[in-house]
Each structure stands twice: as C-alpha cells, then as structure tokens.
C-alpha cells in the first residue's frame, strides 16, 4: 500500500489535513488492534491488487488490472463499454 506510486497518487488527490487524518486513523488502529493483526497472515497477500471486469454472458467486455492501490478503472470507460 505504501509504495511510491500509491503515495504519489494520495498526495495528488488529498491535502495535508486529510493525509494527517488518514495517518492518525491508521496509527489508532495499529495501537488498538496491534500491527500483527492488521497485516494479513500470509504477507504475499499484501501484493494482491484488484481490478474491474465487465462481462456479458461469456463475453469479456472490459478488463482493468489495478497496478497499485487506488489505480481504479475509469467509470467513464466502464460505462462506455456497456453502451451508457
């Protein structure tokens, strides 16, 4: 989550106050729950990213693989592929 592209993307879309709030929330969770319980049991699971897929029947209309956290598909691209 804290790789350089993800941090750069967060810096572009957030101001200092919102990033401070995020950091404080993460610290509070770590303090209350414990860092070990925040992390997945298998650390390779932290490398798994998401994606967006649109299918109609057995036809793939759209696919987008997230390269980092927050690298979501454009809603415009998703809607365009279904003709909206």
PDB file of N, CA and C in Angstrom:
ATOM      1  N   UNK A   1       0.815  -1.195   0.000  1.00  0.00           N
ATOM      2  CA  UNK A   1       0.000   0.000   0.000  1.00  0.00           C
ATOM      3  C   UNK A   1       0.859   1.259   0.000  1.00  0.00           C
ATOM      4  N   UNK A   2       1.961   1.239   0.683  1.00  0.00           N
ATOM      5  CA  UNK A   2       2.755   2.455   0.822  1.00  0.00           C
ATOM      6  C   UNK A   2       3.896   2.512  -0.189  1.00  0.00           C
ATOM      7  N   UNK A   3       3.688   1.961  -1.389  1.00  0.00           N
ATOM      8  CA  UNK A   3       4.725   2.052  -2.406  1.00  0.00           C
ATOM      9  C   UNK A   3       4.732   3.459  -3.008  1.00  0.00           C
ATOM     10  N   UNK A   4       5.841   3.881  -3.603  1.00  0.00           N
ATOM     11  CA  UNK A   4       5.940   5.263  -4.109  1.00  0.00           C
ATOM     12  C   UNK A   4       4.809   5.698  -5.027  1.00  0.00           C
ATOM     13  N   UNK A   5       4.364   4.880  -6.018  1.00  0.00           N
ATOM     14  CA  UNK A   5       3.252   5.348  -6.859  1.00  0.00           C
ATOM     15  C   UNK A   5       1.961   5.579  -6.061  1.00  0.00           C
ATOM     16  N   UNK A   6       1.714   4.725  -5.063  1.00  0.00           N
ATOM     17  CA  UNK A   6       0.499   4.892  -4.257  1.00  0.00           C
ATOM     18  C   UNK A   6       0.578   6.169  -3.426  1.00  0.00           C
ATOM     19  N   UNK A   7       1.732   6.427  -2.834  1.00  0.00           N
ATOM     20  CA  UNK A   7       1.905   7.641  -2.034  1.00  0.00           C
ATOM     21  C   UNK A   7       1.762   8.875  -2.918  1.00  0.00           C
ATOM     22  N   UNK A   8       2.352   8.840  -4.116  1.00  0.00           N
ATOM     23  CA  UNK A   8       2.230   9.984  -5.041  1.00  0.00           C
ATOM     24  C   UNK A   8       0.777  10.233  -5.418  1.00  0.00           C
ATOM     25  N   UNK A   9       0.036   9.159  -5.675  1.00  0.00           N
ATOM     26  CA  UNK A   9      -1.377   9.314  -6.037  1.00  0.00           C
ATOM     27  C   UNK A   9      -2.168   9.903  -4.872  1.00  0.00           C
ATOM     28  N   UNK A  10      -1.879   9.454  -3.654  1.00  0.00           N
ATOM     29  CA  UNK A  10      -2.576  10.009  -2.492  1.00  0.00           C
ATOM     30  C   UNK A  10      -2.241  11.487  -2.323  1.00  0.00           C
ATOM     31  N   UNK A  11      -0.992  11.854  -2.544  1.00  0.00           N
ATOM     32  CA  UNK A  11      -0.584  13.249  -2.390  1.00  0.00           C
ATOM     33  C   UNK A  11      -1.277  14.140  -3.418  1.00  0.00           C
ATOM     34  N   UNK A  12      -1.507  13.603  -4.627  1.00  0.00           N
ATOM     35  CA  UNK A  12      -2.154  14.389  -5.675  1.00  0.00           C
ATOM     36  C   UNK A  12      -3.626  14.658  -5.385  1.00  0.00           C
ATOM     37  N   UNK A  13      -4.307  13.718  -4.718  1.00  0.00           N
ATOM     38  CA  UNK A  13      -5.749  13.876  -4.536  1.00  0.00           C
ATOM     39  C   UNK A  13      -6.154  14.266  -3.125  1.00  0.00           C
ATOM     40  N   UNK A  14      -5.200  14.442  -2.228  1.00  0.00           N
ATOM     41  CA  UNK A  14      -5.506  14.791  -0.845  1.00  0.00           C
ATOM     42  C   UNK A  14      -4.661  15.970  -0.401  1.00  0.00           C
ATOM     43  N   UNK A  15      -5.181  16.697   0.565  1.00  0.00           N
ATOM     44  CA  UNK A  15      -4.399  17.781   1.135  1.00  0.00           C
ATOM     45  C   UNK A  15      -3.735  17.296   2.426  1.00  0.00           C
ATOM     46  N   UNK A  16      -2.933  18.134   3.018  1.00  0.00           N
ATOM     47  CA  UNK A  16      -2.177  17.747   4.213  1.00  0.00           C
ATOM     48  C   UNK A  16      -3.097  17.319   5.355  1.00  0.00           C
ATOM     49  N   UNK A  17      -4.198  18.021   5.546  1.00  0.00           N
ATOM     50  CA  UNK A  17      -5.113  17.692   6.645  1.00  0.00           C
ATOM     51  C   UNK A  17      -5.737  16.306   6.469  1.00  0.00           C
ATOM     52  N   UNK A  18      -6.159  15.983   5.230  1.00  0.00           N
ATOM     53  CA  UNK A  18      -6.787  14.674   5.020  1.00  0.00           C
ATOM     54  C   UNK A  18      -5.768  13.549   5.161  1.00  0.00           C
ATOM     55  N   UNK A  19      -4.526  13.773   4.723  1.00  0.00           N
ATOM     56  CA  UNK A  19      -3.487  12.756   4.890  1.00  0.00           C
ATOM     57  C   UNK A  19      -3.134  12.572   6.360  1.00  0.00           C
ATOM     58  N   UNK A  20      -3.153  13.656   7.117  1.00  0.00           N
ATOM     59  CA  UNK A  20      -2.890  13.563   8.559  1.00  0.00           C
ATOM     60  C   UNK A  20      -3.996  12.757   9.238  1.00  0.00           C
ATOM     61  N   UNK A  21      -5.231  12.991   8.846  1.00  0.00           N
ATOM     62  CA  UNK A  21      -6.362  12.240   9.405  1.00  0.00           C
ATOM     63  C   UNK A  21      -6.225  10.757   9.091  1.00  0.00           C
ATOM     64  N   UNK A  22      -5.841  10.440   7.864  1.00  0.00           N
ATOM     65  CA  UNK A  22      -5.636   9.049   7.474  1.00  0.00           C
ATOM     66  C   UNK A  22      -4.532   8.405   8.317  1.00  0.00           C
ATOM     67  N   UNK A  23      -3.426   9.100   8.455  1.00  0.00           N
ATOM     68  CA  UNK A  23      -2.316   8.582   9.255  1.00  0.00           C
ATOM     69  C   UNK A  23      -2.697   8.365  10.705  1.00  0.00           C
ATOM     70  N   UNK A  24      -3.449   9.296  11.269  1.00  0.00           N
ATOM     71  CA  UNK A  24      -3.885   9.161  12.665  1.00  0.00           C
ATOM     72  C   UNK A  24      -4.834   7.979  12.826  1.00  0.00           C
ATOM     73  N   UNK A  25      -5.725   7.770  11.865  1.00  0.00           N
ATOM     74  CA  UNK A  25      -6.651   6.631  11.929  1.00  0.00           C
ATOM     75  C   UNK A  25      -5.881   5.315  11.850  1.00  0.00           C
ATOM     76  N   UNK A  26      -4.892   5.256  10.973  1.00  0.00           N
ATOM     77  CA  UNK A  26      -4.085   4.039  10.837  1.00  0.00           C
ATOM     78  C   UNK A  26      -3.314   3.771  12.125  1.00  0.00           C
ATOM     79  N   UNK A  27      -2.721   4.821  12.719  1.00  0.00           N
ATOM     80  CA  UNK A  27      -1.983   4.665  13.972  1.00  0.00           C
ATOM     81  C   UNK A  27      -2.904   4.211  15.092  1.00  0.00           C
ATOM     82  N   UNK A  28      -4.106   4.777  15.155  1.00  0.00           N
ATOM     83  CA  UNK A  28      -5.056   4.384  16.198  1.00  0.00           C
ATOM     84  C   UNK A  28      -5.431   2.913  16.055  1.00  0.00           C
ATOM     85  N   UNK A  29      -5.668   2.477  14.826  1.00  0.00           N
ATOM     86  CA  UNK A  29      -5.980   1.061  14.598  1.00  0.00           C
ATOM     87  C   UNK A  29      -4.809   0.183  15.007  1.00  0.00           C
ATOM     88  N   UNK A  30      -3.602   0.587  14.627  1.00  0.00           N
ATOM     89  CA  UNK A  30      -2.414  -0.202  14.982  1.00  0.00           C
ATOM     90  C   UNK A  30      -2.229  -0.254  16.489  1.00  0.00           C
ATOM     91  N   UNK A  31      -2.472   0.867  17.167  1.00  0.00           N
ATOM     92  CA  UNK A  31      -2.323   0.908  18.623  1.00  0.00           C
ATOM     93  C   UNK A  31      -3.391   0.066  19.317  1.00  0.00           C
ATOM     94  N   UNK A  32      -4.625   0.101  18.800  1.00  0.00           N
ATOM     95  CA  UNK A  32      -5.732  -0.618  19.441  1.00  0.00           C
ATOM     96  C   UNK A  32      -5.774  -2.101  19.101  1.00  0.00           C
ATOM     97  N   UNK A  33      -5.464  -2.430  17.872  1.00  0.00           N
ATOM     98  CA  UNK A  33      -5.588  -3.807  17.407  1.00  0.00           C
ATOM     99  C   UNK A  33      -4.241  -4.518  17.424  1.00  0.00           C
ATOM    100  N   UNK A  34      -3.197  -3.770  17.141  1.00  0.00           N
ATOM    101  CA  UNK A  34      -1.864  -4.341  17.035  1.00  0.00           C
ATOM    102  C   UNK A  34      -1.495  -4.501  15.579  1.00  0.00           C
ATOM    103  N   UNK A  35      -0.269  -4.164  15.262  1.00  0.00           N
ATOM    104  CA  UNK A  35       0.199  -4.206  13.878  1.00  0.00           C
ATOM    105  C   UNK A  35       0.087  -5.609  13.309  1.00  0.00           C
ATOM    106  N   UNK A  36       0.416  -6.621  14.096  1.00  0.00           N
ATOM    107  CA  UNK A  36       0.378  -8.001  13.599  1.00  0.00           C
ATOM    108  C   UNK A  36      -1.020  -8.400  13.142  1.00  0.00           C
ATOM    109  N   UNK A  37      -2.060  -7.900  13.823  1.00  0.00           N
ATOM    110  CA  UNK A  37      -3.431  -8.258  13.442  1.00  0.00           C
ATOM    111  C   UNK A  37      -3.934  -7.436  12.260  1.00  0.00           C
ATOM    112  N   UNK A  38      -3.269  -6.311  11.959  1.00  0.00           N
ATOM    113  CA  UNK A  38      -3.661  -5.520  10.791  1.00  0.00           C
ATOM    114  C   UNK A  38      -3.144  -6.140   9.504  1.00  0.00           C
ATOM    115  N   UNK A  39      -2.025  -6.829   9.600  1.00  0.00           N
ATOM    116  CA  UNK A  39      -1.411  -7.429   8.413  1.00  0.00           C
ATOM    117  C   UNK A  39      -2.045  -8.783   8.118  1.00  0.00           C
ATOM    118  N   UNK A  40      -2.131  -9.166   6.840  1.00  0.00           N
ATOM    119  CA  UNK A  40      -2.644 -10.500   6.515  1.00  0.00           C
ATOM    120  C   UNK A  40      -1.726 -11.578   7.076  1.00  0.00           C
ATOM    121  N   UNK A  41      -2.273 -12.759   7.316  1.00  0.00           N
ATOM    122  CA  UNK A  41      -1.467 -13.865   7.831  1.00  0.00           C
ATOM    123  C   UNK A  41      -0.370 -14.240   6.850  1.00  0.00           C
ATOM    124  N   UNK A  42      -0.670 -14.225   5.568  1.00  0.00           N
ATOM    125  CA  UNK A  42       0.319 -14.532   4.538  1.00  0.00           C
ATOM    126  C   UNK A  42       0.717 -13.212   3.877  1.00  0.00           C
ATOM    127  N   UNK A  43       1.934 -12.765   4.075  1.00  0.00           N
ATOM    128  CA  UNK A  43       2.366 -11.449   3.600  1.00  0.00           C
ATOM    129  C   UNK A  43       2.288 -11.309   2.077  1.00  0.00           C
ATOM    130  N   UNK A  44       2.308 -12.423   1.334  1.00  0.00           N
ATOM    131  CA  UNK A  44       2.188 -12.288  -0.124  1.00  0.00           C
ATOM    132  C   UNK A  44       0.808 -11.753  -0.507  1.00  0.00           C
ATOM    133  N   UNK A  45      -0.174 -11.865   0.411  1.00  0.00           N
ATOM    134  CA  UNK A  45      -1.498 -11.315   0.140  1.00  0.00           C
ATOM    135  C   UNK A  45      -1.482  -9.793   0.058  1.00  0.00           C
ATOM    136  N   UNK A  46      -0.448  -9.156   0.604  1.00  0.00           N
ATOM    137  CA  UNK A  46      -0.361  -7.693   0.512  1.00  0.00           C
ATOM    138  C   UNK A  46      -0.006  -7.249  -0.902  1.00  0.00           C
ATOM    139  N   UNK A  47       0.475  -8.177  -1.723  1.00  0.00           N
ATOM    140  CA  UNK A  47       0.842  -7.845  -3.098  1.00  0.00           C
ATOM    141  C   UNK A  47      -0.327  -7.979  -4.063  1.00  0.00           C
ATOM    142  N   UNK A  48      -1.414  -8.567  -3.610  1.00  0.00           N
ATOM    143  CA  UNK A  48      -2.569  -8.784  -4.467  1.00  0.00           C
ATOM    144  C   UNK A  48      -3.292  -7.459  -4.681  1.00  0.00           C
ATOM    145  N   UNK A  49      -3.521  -7.129  -5.930  1.00  0.00           N
ATOM    146  CA  UNK A  49      -4.239  -5.911  -6.266  1.00  0.00           C
ATOM    147  C   UNK A  49      -5.608  -6.281  -6.821  1.00  0.00           C
ATOM    148  N   UNK A  50      -6.404  -5.302  -7.090  1.00  0.00           N
ATOM    149  CA  UNK A  50      -7.745  -5.550  -7.599  1.00  0.00           C
ATOM    150  C   UNK A  50      -7.845  -5.323  -9.092  1.00  0.00           C
ATOM    151  N   UNK A  51      -9.056  -5.210  -9.530  1.00  0.00           N
ATOM    152  CA  UNK A  51      -9.310  -4.978 -10.943  1.00  0.00           C
ATOM    153  C   UNK A  51     -10.790  -4.770 -11.168  1.00  0.00           C
ATOM    154  N   UNK A  52     -11.128  -4.457 -12.394  1.00  0.00           N
ATOM    155  CA  UNK A  52     -12.519  -4.267 -12.792  1.00  0.00           C
ATOM    156  C   UNK A  52     -12.754  -5.063 -14.063  1.00  0.00           C
ATOM    157  N   UNK A  53     -13.810  -5.846 -14.052  1.00  0.00           N
ATOM    158  CA  UNK A  53     -14.135  -6.682 -15.205  1.00  0.00           C
ATOM    159  C   UNK A  53     -15.619  -6.567 -15.491  1.00  0.00           C
ATOM    160  N   UNK A  54     -15.951  -6.401 -16.750  1.00  0.00           N
ATOM    161  CA  UNK A  54     -17.347  -6.343 -17.170  1.00  0.00           C
ATOM    162  C   UNK A  54     -17.541  -7.472 -18.177  1.00  0.00           C
ATOM    163  N   UNK A  55     -18.513  -8.330 -17.885  1.00  0.00           N
ATOM    164  CA  UNK A  55     -18.807  -9.435 -18.790  1.00  0.00           C
ATOM    165  C   UNK A  55     -20.284  -9.421 -19.144  1.00  0.00           C
ATOM    166  N   UNK A  56     -20.575  -9.886 -20.322  1.00  0.00           N
ATOM    167  CA  UNK A  56     -21.966 -10.087 -20.747  1.00  0.00           C
ATOM    168  C   UNK A  56     -22.027 -11.528 -21.231  1.00  0.00           C
ATOM    169  N   UNK A  57     -22.720 -12.354 -20.446  1.00  0.00           N
ATOM    170  CA  UNK A  57     -22.725 -13.777 -20.755  1.00  0.00           C
ATOM    171  C   UNK A  57     -21.326 -14.323 -20.580  1.00  0.00           C
ATOM    172  N   UNK A  58     -20.778 -14.887 -21.653  1.00  0.00           N
ATOM    173  CA  UNK A  58     -19.411 -15.390 -21.574  1.00  0.00           C
ATOM    174  C   UNK A  58     -18.437 -14.516 -22.369  1.00  0.00           C
ATOM    175  N   UNK A  59     -18.848 -13.272 -22.653  1.00  0.00           N
ATOM    176  CA  UNK A  59     -18.008 -12.341 -23.411  1.00  0.00           C
ATOM    177  C   UNK A  59     -17.437 -11.284 -22.464  1.00  0.00           C
ATOM    178  N   UNK A  60     -16.125 -11.167 -22.479  1.00  0.00           N
ATOM    179  CA  UNK A  60     -15.453 -10.141 -21.690  1.00  0.00           C
ATOM    180  C   UNK A  60     -15.541  -8.818 -22.445  1.00  0.00           C
ATOM    181  N   UNK A  61     -16.220  -7.837 -21.854  1.00  0.00           N
ATOM    182  CA  UNK A  61     -16.378  -6.532 -22.487  1.00  0.00           C
ATOM    183  C   UNK A  61     -15.293  -5.549 -22.087  1.00  0.00           C
ATOM    184  N   UNK A  62     -14.779  -5.701 -20.875  1.00  0.00           N
ATOM    185  CA  UNK A  62     -13.820  -4.726 -20.347  1.00  0.00           C
ATOM    186  C   UNK A  62     -13.007  -5.386 -19.250  1.00  0.00           C
ATOM    187  N   UNK A  63     -11.709  -5.090 -19.232  1.00  0.00           N
ATOM    188  CA  UNK A  63     -10.870  -5.542 -18.122  1.00  0.00           C
ATOM    189  C   UNK A  63      -9.856  -4.467 -17.785  1.00  0.00           C
ATOM    190  N   UNK A  64      -9.649  -4.311 -16.500  1.00  0.00           N
ATOM    191  CA  UNK A  64      -8.660  -3.358 -15.996  1.00  0.00           C
ATOM    192  C   UNK A  64      -8.018  -3.988 -14.770  1.00  0.00           C
ATOM    193  N   UNK A  65      -6.700  -4.170 -14.805  1.00  0.00           N
ATOM    194  CA  UNK A  65      -5.967  -4.697 -13.669  1.00  0.00           C
ATOM    195  C   UNK A  65      -5.315  -3.533 -12.936  1.00  0.00           C
ATOM    196  N   UNK A  66      -5.619  -3.389 -11.654  1.00  0.00           N
ATOM    197  CA  UNK A  66      -5.020  -2.322 -10.857  1.00  0.00           C
ATOM    198  C   UNK A  66      -3.528  -2.603 -10.686  1.00  0.00           C
ATOM    199  N   UNK A  67      -2.705  -1.604 -10.964  1.00  0.00           N
ATOM    200  CA  UNK A  67      -1.265  -1.757 -10.774  1.00  0.00           C
ATOM    201  C   UNK A  67      -0.837  -1.385  -9.373  1.00  0.00           C
ATOM    202  N   UNK A  68      -1.669  -0.620  -8.669  1.00  0.00           N
ATOM    203  CA  UNK A  68      -1.377  -0.202  -7.302  1.00  0.00           C
ATOM    204  C   UNK A  68      -2.693   0.161  -6.634  1.00  0.00           C
ATOM    205  N   UNK A  69      -2.656   0.380  -5.357  1.00  0.00           N
ATOM    206  CA  UNK A  69      -3.850   0.793  -4.627  1.00  0.00           C
ATOM    207  C   UNK A  69      -4.349   2.112  -5.206  1.00  0.00           C
ATOM    208  N   UNK A  70      -5.627   2.197  -5.457  1.00  0.00           N
ATOM    209  CA  UNK A  70      -6.212   3.426  -5.985  1.00  0.00           C
ATOM    210  C   UNK A  70      -6.159   3.556  -7.488  1.00  0.00           C
ATOM    211  N   UNK A  71      -5.585   2.571  -8.168  1.00  0.00           N
ATOM    212  CA  UNK A  71      -5.500   2.606  -9.626  1.00  0.00           C
ATOM    213  C   UNK A  71      -6.758   1.970 -10.213  1.00  0.00           C
ATOM    214  N   UNK A  72      -7.872   2.583  -9.945  1.00  0.00           N
ATOM    215  CA  UNK A  72      -9.158   2.026 -10.346  1.00  0.00           C
ATOM    216  C   UNK A  72      -9.479   2.346 -11.802  1.00  0.00           C
ATOM    217  N   UNK A  73     -10.323   1.523 -12.374  1.00  0.00           N
ATOM    218  CA  UNK A  73     -10.792   1.779 -13.731  1.00  0.00           C
ATOM    219  C   UNK A  73     -11.614   3.060 -13.747  1.00  0.00           C
ATOM    220  N   UNK A  74     -11.557   3.748 -14.858  1.00  0.00           N
ATOM    221  CA  UNK A  74     -12.359   4.948 -15.037  1.00  0.00           C
ATOM    222  C   UNK A  74     -13.829   4.544 -15.184  1.00  0.00           C
ATOM    223  N   UNK A  75     -14.696   5.171 -14.425  1.00  0.00           N
ATOM    224  CA  UNK A  75     -16.123   4.872 -14.527  1.00  0.00           C
ATOM    225  C   UNK A  75     -16.620   5.191 -15.937  1.00  0.00           C
ATOM    226  N   UNK A  76     -16.032   6.182 -16.564  1.00  0.00           N
ATOM    227  CA  UNK A  76     -16.408   6.533 -17.935  1.00  0.00           C
ATOM    228  C   UNK A  76     -16.103   5.372 -18.880  1.00  0.00           C
ATOM    229  N   UNK A  77     -14.926   4.743 -18.710  1.00  0.00           N
ATOM    230  CA  UNK A  77     -14.576   3.581 -19.549  1.00  0.00           C
ATOM    231  C   UNK A  77     -15.516   2.402 -19.315  1.00  0.00           C
ATOM    232  N   UNK A  78     -15.870   2.191 -18.048  1.00  0.00           N
ATOM    233  CA  UNK A  78     -16.780   1.093 -17.720  1.00  0.00           C
ATOM    234  C   UNK A  78     -18.143   1.324 -18.342  1.00  0.00           C
ATOM    235  N   UNK A  79     -18.690   2.528 -18.182  1.00  0.00           N
ATOM    236  CA  UNK A  79     -19.996   2.834 -18.741  1.00  0.00           C
ATOM    237  C   UNK A  79     -19.976   2.801 -20.272  1.00  0.00           C
ATOM    238  N   UNK A  80     -18.871   3.254 -20.856  1.00  0.00           N
ATOM    239  CA  UNK A  80     -18.750   3.243 -22.319  1.00  0.00           C
ATOM    240  C   UNK A  80     -18.802   1.824 -22.869  1.00  0.00           C
ATOM    241  N   UNK A  81     -18.191   0.878 -22.178  1.00  0.00           N
ATOM    242  CA  UNK A  81     -18.157  -0.481 -22.695  1.00  0.00           C
ATOM    243  C   UNK A  81     -19.529  -1.145 -22.654  1.00  0.00           C
ATOM    244  N   UNK A  82     -20.437  -0.635 -21.808  1.00  0.00           N
ATOM    245  CA  UNK A  82     -21.780  -1.220 -21.771  1.00  0.00           C
ATOM    246  C   UNK A  82     -22.784  -0.376 -22.547  1.00  0.00           C
ATOM    247  N   UNK A  83     -22.285   0.674 -23.192  1.00  0.00           N
ATOM    248  CA  UNK A  83     -23.143   1.477 -24.060  1.00  0.00           C
ATOM    249  C   UNK A  83     -23.970   2.524 -23.356  1.00  0.00           C
ATOM    250  N   UNK A  84     -23.566   2.963 -22.198  1.00  0.00           N
ATOM    251  CA  UNK A  84     -24.315   4.007 -21.465  1.00  0.00           C
ATOM    252  C   UNK A  84     -23.756   5.366 -21.744  1.00  0.00           C
TER     253      UNK A  84
END
